[in-house]
Amino acid sequence: MHLSIASIAAVFIALLPVAGSGQIADTNSLATQTREQEKAVEASPGKSDGEAWLKLAILRQDAAQYRDSERAYRKSISLLTSGNRDVLADALDQMGTMYVECGQLSKAEPLERQALAIREERKDSVGIGVSHTHLAMLLLGRHENAAAEVEGKIALSLLVPEQQGHSAPLATPEEQMTALIDLSLARCAGQDCAAAIPDLRHALDIAHANYEENSIPVGFLDFLLGYALWKSGDDDSAKGLMRKGTQELSTQLGWGHPTYVKALKQYRNFLRETGHPGEADEIAAKIVKLERSPGMLTANSNDPSIGLGQLH
């Protein structure tokens, strides 16, 4: 299990709330949405609308503008501290995912623990489940695989209860997919990718039921299922799925989003290790071009502290 797979998943999970709607199709649409949200922040009396700042922070996170996102999250949380506790928990949790994306796990954990405490206090079962999914991802980043699997199982029991014969979930499709992905990643990290495949297929079924073919959820899950099959010894099936997944991701993230570039690097590694040097070289050339693109350079310069490239 490479850390880069966990970090790809961390970014994907943060993107999920807007992934299916096509809101992050390219840098231009993100820039437009960000400008509109900046206007909304400016329009509030004294720029004091915590929820408006939160939306701005999330948009900047989606664009991989991490330093600007961090500033907006801090402003949002300072304004929400005495307000709606549910929204405050969302802000703390979302900021935690931003730090996980960047590898700043020590900054992420206190935020995730605070969000979980608020949700437990309010008996928000779905929110509690979401917190456990994000804690699982954080623990994966620290290579605490057994603890991550425990968190993943708790999340699955709350967000995908039909897996255990319980009533239908109240969780959204995105929350269900996240729980299934996290537990699958924890199992892969424990060198048992074969055990992860059924949950990944379930997550892919959810994606197909709720999103278009070239959406981020479908593309990422095709890619991730291919990765699990590769690590389980099924190289032939893996190649088709990883190729298909990267192609699907390119439709919305192909401008150079770090998630897409990391996925390409994993696919390049797969091609090299399975005896396809020519195809691997083609992917490597594409990666070089993307890493020199304005979008990728902006993303790297906006990292709050640790470079995304250091996660490979």
Protein backbone atom coordinates (compact mmCIF):
# COMPACT_ATOMS: atom_id res chain seq x y z
CA MET A 1 0.00 0.00 0.00
CA HIS A 2 1.63 3.25 -1.11
CA LEU A 3 0.93 6.47 0.75
CA SER A 4 0.17 8.03 -2.60
CA ILE A 5 -2.96 5.87 -2.94
CA ALA A 6 -4.18 7.04 0.46
CA SER A 7 -3.46 10.65 -0.46
CA ILE A 8 -5.24 10.27 -3.81
CA ALA A 9 -8.24 8.91 -1.92
CA ALA A 10 -8.10 11.78 0.58
CA VAL A 11 -8.40 14.33 -2.21
CA PHE A 12 -11.11 12.31 -3.92
CA ILE A 13 -13.17 12.13 -0.72
CA ALA A 14 -12.94 15.90 -0.32
CA LEU A 15 -14.08 16.34 -3.94
CA LEU A 16 -17.05 13.98 -3.65
CA PRO A 17 -19.72 16.52 -2.56
CA VAL A 18 -19.34 18.39 -5.85
CA ALA A 19 -17.92 15.68 -8.07
CA GLY A 20 -21.08 14.39 -9.66
CA SER A 21 -22.49 17.79 -10.51
CA GLY A 22 -19.64 18.71 -12.81
CA GLN A 23 -18.85 21.80 -10.72
CA ILE A 24 -15.12 21.16 -10.95
CA ALA A 25 -14.87 20.48 -14.64
CA ASP A 26 -11.91 22.81 -15.18
CA THR A 27 -9.93 25.64 -13.70
CA ASN A 28 -12.07 28.25 -15.47
CA SER A 29 -15.35 27.05 -13.93
CA LEU A 30 -13.72 26.79 -10.51
CA ALA A 31 -12.32 30.29 -10.87
CA THR A 32 -15.78 31.59 -11.79
CA GLN A 33 -17.40 29.89 -8.80
CA THR A 34 -14.67 31.18 -6.51
CA ARG A 35 -15.13 34.77 -7.71
CA GLU A 36 -18.87 34.49 -7.15
CA GLN A 37 -18.33 33.16 -3.66
CA GLU A 38 -15.82 35.91 -2.89
CA LYS A 39 -18.57 38.37 -3.80
CA ALA A 40 -20.93 36.58 -1.41
CA VAL A 41 -18.36 36.90 1.37
CA GLU A 42 -17.87 40.61 0.61
CA ALA A 43 -21.64 41.19 0.55
CA SER A 44 -22.20 39.97 4.11
CA PRO A 45 -22.17 42.70 6.79
CA GLY A 46 -18.60 43.00 8.02
CA LYS A 47 -17.67 39.90 6.00
CA SER A 48 -19.04 37.97 8.98
CA ASP A 49 -20.95 35.11 7.33
CA GLY A 50 -19.17 31.98 8.53
CA GLU A 51 -21.04 29.72 6.13
CA ALA A 52 -20.07 31.90 3.17
CA TRP A 53 -16.42 31.66 4.23
CA LEU A 54 -16.81 27.88 4.54
CA LYS A 55 -18.11 27.58 0.98
CA LEU A 56 -15.18 29.69 -0.22
CA ALA A 57 -12.72 27.50 1.68
CA ILE A 58 -14.16 24.34 0.11
CA LEU A 59 -13.98 25.81 -3.40
CA ARG A 60 -10.34 26.73 -2.89
CA GLN A 61 -9.64 23.27 -1.54
CA ASP A 62 -11.28 21.73 -4.63
CA ALA A 63 -8.96 23.84 -6.78
CA ALA A 64 -5.96 22.65 -4.72
CA GLN A 65 -5.35 26.25 -3.57
CA TYR A 66 -4.47 24.99 -0.14
CA ARG A 67 -2.93 28.07 1.43
CA ASP A 68 -5.90 30.24 0.46
CA SER A 69 -8.26 27.47 1.56
CA GLU A 70 -6.56 27.30 4.96
CA ARG A 71 -7.03 31.03 5.52
CA ALA A 72 -10.72 30.82 4.59
CA TYR A 73 -11.30 27.83 6.89
CA ARG A 74 -9.72 29.68 9.80
CA LYS A 75 -11.97 32.68 9.22
CA SER A 76 -15.03 30.46 8.89
CA ILE A 77 -14.34 28.55 12.09
CA SER A 78 -13.70 31.72 14.06
CA LEU A 79 -17.10 33.03 12.97
CA LEU A 80 -18.97 29.76 13.50
CA THR A 81 -17.66 29.03 17.01
CA SER A 82 -20.64 30.72 18.66
CA GLY A 83 -23.14 29.73 16.00
CA ASN A 84 -24.62 26.59 14.46
CA ARG A 85 -22.81 23.61 16.00
CA ASP A 86 -23.59 21.30 13.09
CA VAL A 87 -22.05 23.70 10.60
CA LEU A 88 -19.07 24.23 12.90
CA ALA A 89 -18.51 20.46 12.96
CA ASP A 90 -18.66 20.40 9.16
CA ALA A 91 -16.09 23.19 8.94
CA LEU A 92 -13.70 21.50 11.38
CA ASP A 93 -14.09 18.18 9.60
CA GLN A 94 -13.62 19.64 6.13
CA MET A 95 -10.53 21.59 7.19
CA GLY A 96 -9.17 18.33 8.58
CA THR A 97 -9.57 16.69 5.19
CA MET A 98 -7.67 19.57 3.61
CA TYR A 99 -4.72 18.90 5.92
CA VAL A 100 -4.88 15.16 5.22
CA GLU A 101 -4.65 15.92 1.50
CA CYS A 102 -1.45 17.85 2.16
CA GLY A 103 0.05 15.28 4.51
CA GLN A 104 -0.19 17.57 7.55
CA LEU A 105 -1.67 14.84 9.70
CA SER A 106 -0.76 16.38 13.05
CA LYS A 107 -2.85 19.44 12.14
CA ALA A 108 -5.71 17.32 10.83
CA GLU A 109 -6.29 15.09 13.84
CA PRO A 110 -7.35 17.72 16.43
CA LEU A 111 -9.85 19.13 13.96
CA GLU A 112 -11.30 15.71 13.18
CA ARG A 113 -11.54 14.85 16.90
CA GLN A 114 -13.33 18.14 17.64
CA ALA A 115 -15.80 17.52 14.83
CA LEU A 116 -16.47 13.99 16.10
CA ALA A 117 -17.05 15.26 19.67
CA ILE A 118 -19.63 17.80 18.48
CA ARG A 119 -21.43 15.18 16.40
CA GLU A 120 -21.47 12.70 19.28
CA GLU A 121 -22.84 15.40 21.57
CA ARG A 122 -25.63 16.04 19.06
CA LYS A 123 -26.23 12.31 18.44
CA ASP A 124 -25.74 12.81 14.71
CA SER A 125 -25.22 9.20 13.60
CA VAL A 126 -24.44 10.03 9.98
CA GLY A 127 -22.07 12.83 11.00
CA ILE A 128 -20.36 10.44 13.43
CA GLY A 129 -19.94 7.96 10.61
CA VAL A 130 -18.42 10.62 8.37
CA SER A 131 -15.97 11.58 11.12
CA HIS A 132 -14.87 7.96 11.45
CA THR A 133 -14.26 7.74 7.69
CA HIS A 134 -11.98 10.74 7.84
CA LEU A 135 -10.17 9.45 10.92
CA ALA A 136 -9.62 6.19 9.06
CA MET A 137 -7.99 8.09 6.20
CA LEU A 138 -5.81 10.05 8.62
CA LEU A 139 -4.65 6.83 10.33
CA LEU A 140 -3.85 5.30 6.95
CA GLY A 141 -1.60 8.27 6.27
CA ARG A 142 0.25 7.44 9.49
CA HIS A 143 0.48 3.76 8.50
CA GLU A 144 -1.64 2.77 11.52
CA ASN A 145 -3.44 0.24 9.38
CA ALA A 146 -5.14 -1.83 12.07
CA ALA A 147 -6.54 1.29 13.76
CA ALA A 148 -7.68 2.60 10.37
CA GLU A 149 -9.56 -0.63 9.73
CA VAL A 150 -11.33 -0.32 13.10
CA GLU A 151 -12.41 3.24 12.23
CA GLY A 152 -13.47 2.06 8.79
CA LYS A 153 -15.67 -0.68 10.22
CA ILE A 154 -17.38 1.78 12.57
CA ALA A 155 -18.04 4.13 9.66
CA LEU A 156 -19.42 1.31 7.51
CA SER A 157 -21.81 0.19 10.26
CA LEU A 158 -23.24 3.73 10.47
CA LEU A 159 -23.24 4.74 6.82
CA VAL A 160 -23.86 1.47 4.98
CA PRO A 161 -25.90 -0.51 7.55
CA GLU A 162 -27.43 -2.84 4.97
CA GLN A 163 -23.99 -4.47 4.76
CA GLN A 164 -24.83 -5.91 8.18
CA GLY A 165 -28.51 -6.57 7.52
CA HIS A 166 -29.78 -3.38 9.13
CA SER A 167 -32.24 -0.80 7.81
CA ALA A 168 -31.56 1.39 4.79
CA PRO A 169 -29.01 4.17 5.44
CA LEU A 170 -29.71 7.86 5.84
CA ALA A 171 -26.28 8.60 4.43
CA THR A 172 -25.81 10.13 0.98
CA PRO A 173 -24.28 8.10 -1.84
CA GLU A 174 -21.05 10.05 -1.36
CA GLU A 175 -20.89 9.17 2.33
CA GLN A 176 -21.59 5.52 1.60
CA MET A 177 -18.88 5.37 -1.07
CA THR A 178 -16.41 7.04 1.28
CA ALA A 179 -17.01 4.44 3.99
CA LEU A 180 -16.60 1.56 1.54
CA ILE A 181 -13.44 3.09 0.06
CA ASP A 182 -11.81 3.74 3.44
CA LEU A 183 -12.33 0.20 4.69
CA SER A 184 -11.05 -1.14 1.37
CA LEU A 185 -7.91 0.99 1.59
CA ALA A 186 -7.29 -0.17 5.15
CA ARG A 187 -7.52 -3.79 4.04
CA CYS A 188 -5.19 -3.17 1.11
CA ALA A 189 -2.77 -1.48 3.49
CA GLY A 190 -2.85 -4.67 5.56
CA GLN A 191 -1.81 -6.63 2.45
CA ASP A 192 -5.31 -8.04 1.90
CA CYS A 193 -6.49 -6.27 -1.24
CA ALA A 194 -8.53 -9.34 -2.21
CA ALA A 195 -10.79 -8.68 0.80
CA ALA A 196 -11.25 -5.09 -0.40
CA ILE A 197 -12.59 -5.99 -3.83
CA PRO A 198 -16.25 -6.72 -2.84
CA ASP A 199 -16.59 -3.37 -1.06
CA LEU A 200 -14.99 -1.54 -3.99
CA ARG A 201 -17.42 -3.22 -6.39
CA HIS A 202 -20.29 -2.12 -4.11
CA ALA A 203 -18.98 1.44 -4.11
CA LEU A 204 -18.67 1.34 -7.90
CA ASP A 205 -22.29 0.16 -8.16
CA ILE A 206 -23.34 3.16 -6.05
CA ALA A 207 -21.33 5.46 -8.31
CA HIS A 208 -22.92 4.04 -11.46
CA ALA A 209 -26.39 4.43 -9.93
CA ASN A 210 -25.87 8.09 -9.10
CA TYR A 211 -23.34 9.55 -11.55
CA GLU A 212 -22.54 9.70 -15.23
CA GLU A 213 -19.89 7.47 -16.78
CA ASN A 214 -17.17 10.13 -17.00
CA SER A 215 -17.76 11.51 -13.52
CA ILE A 216 -15.05 11.66 -10.87
CA PRO A 217 -16.66 9.00 -8.62
CA VAL A 218 -16.93 6.45 -11.45
CA GLY A 219 -13.44 7.23 -12.72
CA PHE A 220 -11.80 7.05 -9.33
CA LEU A 221 -13.53 3.82 -8.37
CA ASP A 222 -12.64 2.18 -11.68
CA PHE A 223 -9.04 3.20 -11.00
CA LEU A 224 -9.08 2.05 -7.38
CA LEU A 225 -10.71 -1.30 -8.19
CA GLY A 226 -8.02 -1.79 -10.83
CA TYR A 227 -5.35 -1.02 -8.22
CA ALA A 228 -6.81 -3.60 -5.82
CA LEU A 229 -6.97 -6.21 -8.58
CA TRP A 230 -3.33 -5.48 -9.47
CA LYS A 231 -2.25 -5.98 -5.88
CA SER A 232 -4.34 -9.18 -5.81
CA GLY A 233 -2.50 -10.59 -8.83
CA ASP A 234 -5.05 -9.95 -11.61
CA ASP A 235 -2.92 -7.75 -13.86
CA ASP A 236 -5.08 -8.14 -16.97
CA SER A 237 -8.27 -6.87 -15.33
CA ALA A 238 -6.28 -4.22 -13.49
CA LYS A 239 -4.83 -2.69 -16.64
CA GLY A 240 -8.20 -2.10 -18.27
CA LEU A 241 -9.75 -0.59 -15.18
CA MET A 242 -6.81 1.65 -14.30
CA ARG A 243 -6.62 2.91 -17.90
CA LYS A 244 -10.39 3.49 -17.98
CA GLY A 245 -10.32 5.24 -14.60
CA THR A 246 -7.56 7.67 -15.55
CA GLN A 247 -9.34 8.45 -18.82
CA GLU A 248 -12.58 9.18 -16.95
CA LEU A 249 -10.80 11.35 -14.40
CA SER A 250 -9.20 13.35 -17.19
CA THR A 251 -12.58 14.73 -18.29
CA GLN A 252 -12.86 16.83 -15.10
CA LEU A 253 -9.38 16.86 -13.57
CA GLY A 254 -7.20 16.60 -16.66
CA TRP A 255 -6.15 20.24 -16.44
CA GLY A 256 -3.56 19.15 -13.88
CA HIS A 257 -5.33 18.60 -10.55
CA PRO A 258 -2.94 16.81 -8.15
CA THR A 259 -5.38 13.91 -7.77
CA TYR A 260 -5.27 13.18 -11.48
CA VAL A 261 -1.49 13.50 -11.68
CA LYS A 262 -1.05 11.12 -8.74
CA ALA A 263 -3.40 8.60 -10.35
CA LEU A 264 -1.35 8.79 -13.55
CA LYS A 265 1.83 8.15 -11.56
CA GLN A 266 0.31 5.02 -10.04
CA TYR A 267 -0.78 3.87 -13.49
CA ARG A 268 2.73 4.54 -14.83
CA ASN A 269 4.19 2.44 -12.00
CA PHE A 270 1.77 -0.36 -12.78
CA LEU A 271 2.74 -0.33 -16.47
CA ARG A 272 6.44 -0.43 -15.66
CA GLU A 273 6.09 -3.25 -13.15
CA THR A 274 3.93 -5.37 -15.46
CA GLY A 275 6.12 -5.15 -18.56
CA HIS A 276 4.64 -2.29 -20.61
CA PRO A 277 7.58 0.15 -20.84
CA GLY A 278 6.40 1.94 -23.99
CA GLU A 279 2.99 2.79 -22.52
CA ALA A 280 4.65 3.74 -19.25
CA ASP A 281 6.90 6.21 -21.08
CA GLU A 282 3.86 7.79 -22.77
CA ILE A 283 2.19 8.30 -19.39
CA ALA A 284 5.45 9.65 -17.93
CA ALA A 285 5.66 12.25 -20.70
CA LYS A 286 2.07 13.28 -20.02
CA ILE A 287 2.86 13.68 -16.31
CA VAL A 288 5.84 15.93 -17.08
CA LYS A 289 3.65 18.13 -19.29
CA LEU A 290 0.94 18.38 -16.63
CA GLU A 291 3.40 19.18 -13.86
CA ARG A 292 4.56 22.16 -15.90
CA SER A 293 1.00 23.36 -16.50
CA PRO A 294 -0.23 26.60 -14.86
CA GLY A 295 -2.89 24.71 -12.88
CA MET A 296 -0.43 22.28 -11.31
CA LEU A 297 2.14 24.98 -10.57
CA THR A 298 -0.55 27.05 -8.84
CA ALA A 299 -1.65 24.04 -6.80
CA ASN A 300 1.88 23.34 -5.60
CA SER A 301 2.53 26.98 -4.72
CA ASN A 302 -0.67 27.04 -2.65
CA ASP A 303 0.28 24.09 -0.45
CA PRO A 304 0.21 25.30 3.20
CA SER A 305 3.45 23.56 4.14
CA ILE A 306 4.29 20.13 2.74
CA GLY A 307 4.63 19.73 -1.00
CA LEU A 308 2.20 17.34 -2.60
CA GLY A 309 5.09 15.89 -4.54
CA GLN A 310 6.62 14.70 -1.28
CA LEU A 311 3.77 12.24 -0.79
CA HIS A 312 4.95 9.86 -3.53
